[in-house]
């Protein structure tokens, strides 16, 4: 019988390093989804916002967005991320 090996996590990209979200999606993938499924000025909803990747992408692409999360740490991370991005734009 083969011995199972424990799963190891891949190192996160630099942009993902501050996020403690295990299901965070790469911004490039989210960007393609938002661009393909919404229009500039349109609305996007993320009911499990985590680190705020959808919101960050929406800011870049000129979409409005609503982010929802029950985790106070995730809310703090996404709020900081979006504020920093808004200031650097």
Protein backbone atom coordinates (compact mmCIF):
# COMPACT_ATOMS: atom_id res chain seq x y z
CA UNK A 1 0.00 0.00 0.00
CA UNK A 2 1.38 3.41 -0.95
CA UNK A 3 2.15 5.80 1.83
CA UNK A 4 0.32 9.11 1.50
CA UNK A 5 2.35 12.27 1.72
CA UNK A 6 1.06 15.39 3.41
CA UNK A 7 0.04 18.26 1.17
CA UNK A 8 2.26 21.28 1.23
CA UNK A 9 1.24 24.82 0.40
CA UNK A 10 2.79 26.66 -2.48
CA UNK A 11 4.49 29.95 -1.61
CA UNK A 12 2.14 32.85 -2.23
CA UNK A 13 2.91 35.64 -4.62
CA UNK A 14 4.17 38.89 -3.08
CA UNK A 15 0.77 40.54 -3.44
CA UNK A 16 -0.85 37.62 -1.65
CA UNK A 17 1.67 37.50 1.19
CA UNK A 18 -0.30 39.81 3.48
CA UNK A 19 -3.52 37.91 2.97
CA UNK A 20 -4.33 35.03 5.26
CA UNK A 21 -7.06 33.74 2.98
CA UNK A 22 -6.69 30.10 1.99
CA UNK A 23 -8.95 30.48 -1.07
CA UNK A 24 -7.65 33.75 -2.45
CA UNK A 25 -7.76 33.86 -6.24
CA UNK A 26 -5.01 35.38 -8.38
CA UNK A 27 -5.96 38.90 -9.47
CA UNK A 28 -5.27 38.02 -13.12
CA UNK A 29 -8.01 35.37 -13.10
CA UNK A 30 -10.48 37.63 -11.29
CA UNK A 31 -9.66 40.46 -13.74
CA UNK A 32 -10.58 38.23 -16.71
CA UNK A 33 -13.84 37.17 -15.04
CA UNK A 34 -14.86 40.74 -14.19
CA UNK A 35 -13.95 42.07 -17.63
CA UNK A 36 -15.89 39.29 -19.34
CA UNK A 37 -18.99 39.43 -17.15
CA UNK A 38 -19.57 43.12 -16.38
CA UNK A 39 -19.47 46.55 -17.96
CA UNK A 40 -17.60 49.65 -16.78
CA UNK A 41 -19.72 51.32 -14.12
CA UNK A 42 -21.58 48.07 -13.40
CA UNK A 43 -21.86 46.33 -10.06
CA UNK A 44 -20.02 43.24 -8.77
CA UNK A 45 -20.81 41.35 -5.55
CA UNK A 46 -18.46 39.20 -3.50
CA UNK A 47 -20.29 37.66 -0.52
CA UNK A 48 -17.06 36.07 0.76
CA UNK A 49 -14.65 38.96 0.19
CA UNK A 50 -11.65 37.73 2.15
CA UNK A 51 -8.66 39.88 1.21
CA UNK A 52 -10.66 41.97 -1.27
CA UNK A 53 -9.24 40.79 -4.59
CA UNK A 54 -12.54 41.38 -6.39
CA UNK A 55 -12.76 44.91 -5.01
CA UNK A 56 -9.19 45.70 -6.03
CA UNK A 57 -9.82 44.43 -9.55
CA UNK A 58 -13.09 46.37 -9.77
CA UNK A 59 -11.27 49.57 -8.78
CA UNK A 60 -8.78 48.98 -11.59
CA UNK A 61 -11.47 48.24 -14.17
CA UNK A 62 -13.93 50.99 -13.20
CA UNK A 63 -16.61 48.77 -11.70
CA UNK A 64 -18.59 49.42 -8.54
CA UNK A 65 -18.56 46.66 -5.97
CA UNK A 66 -19.99 45.33 -2.74
CA UNK A 67 -17.78 43.14 -0.55
CA UNK A 68 -19.17 41.12 2.36
CA UNK A 69 -17.25 39.10 4.95
CA UNK A 70 -17.94 38.12 8.55
CA UNK A 71 -14.28 37.82 9.55
CA UNK A 72 -13.05 41.07 11.17
CA UNK A 73 -9.45 40.31 10.17
CA UNK A 74 -10.43 39.84 6.53
CA UNK A 75 -12.40 43.09 6.62
CA UNK A 76 -9.37 44.93 8.00
CA UNK A 77 -7.07 43.45 5.34
CA UNK A 78 -9.43 44.24 2.47
CA UNK A 79 -10.15 47.76 3.75
CA UNK A 80 -6.44 48.55 4.03
CA UNK A 81 -5.71 47.02 0.64
CA UNK A 82 -8.44 49.00 -1.12
CA UNK A 83 -7.50 52.27 0.60
CA UNK A 84 -3.83 51.86 -0.36
CA UNK A 85 -4.75 51.04 -3.94
CA UNK A 86 -7.08 54.07 -4.14
CA UNK A 87 -4.28 56.36 -2.90
CA UNK A 88 -1.73 54.96 -5.35
CA UNK A 89 -4.03 55.32 -8.36
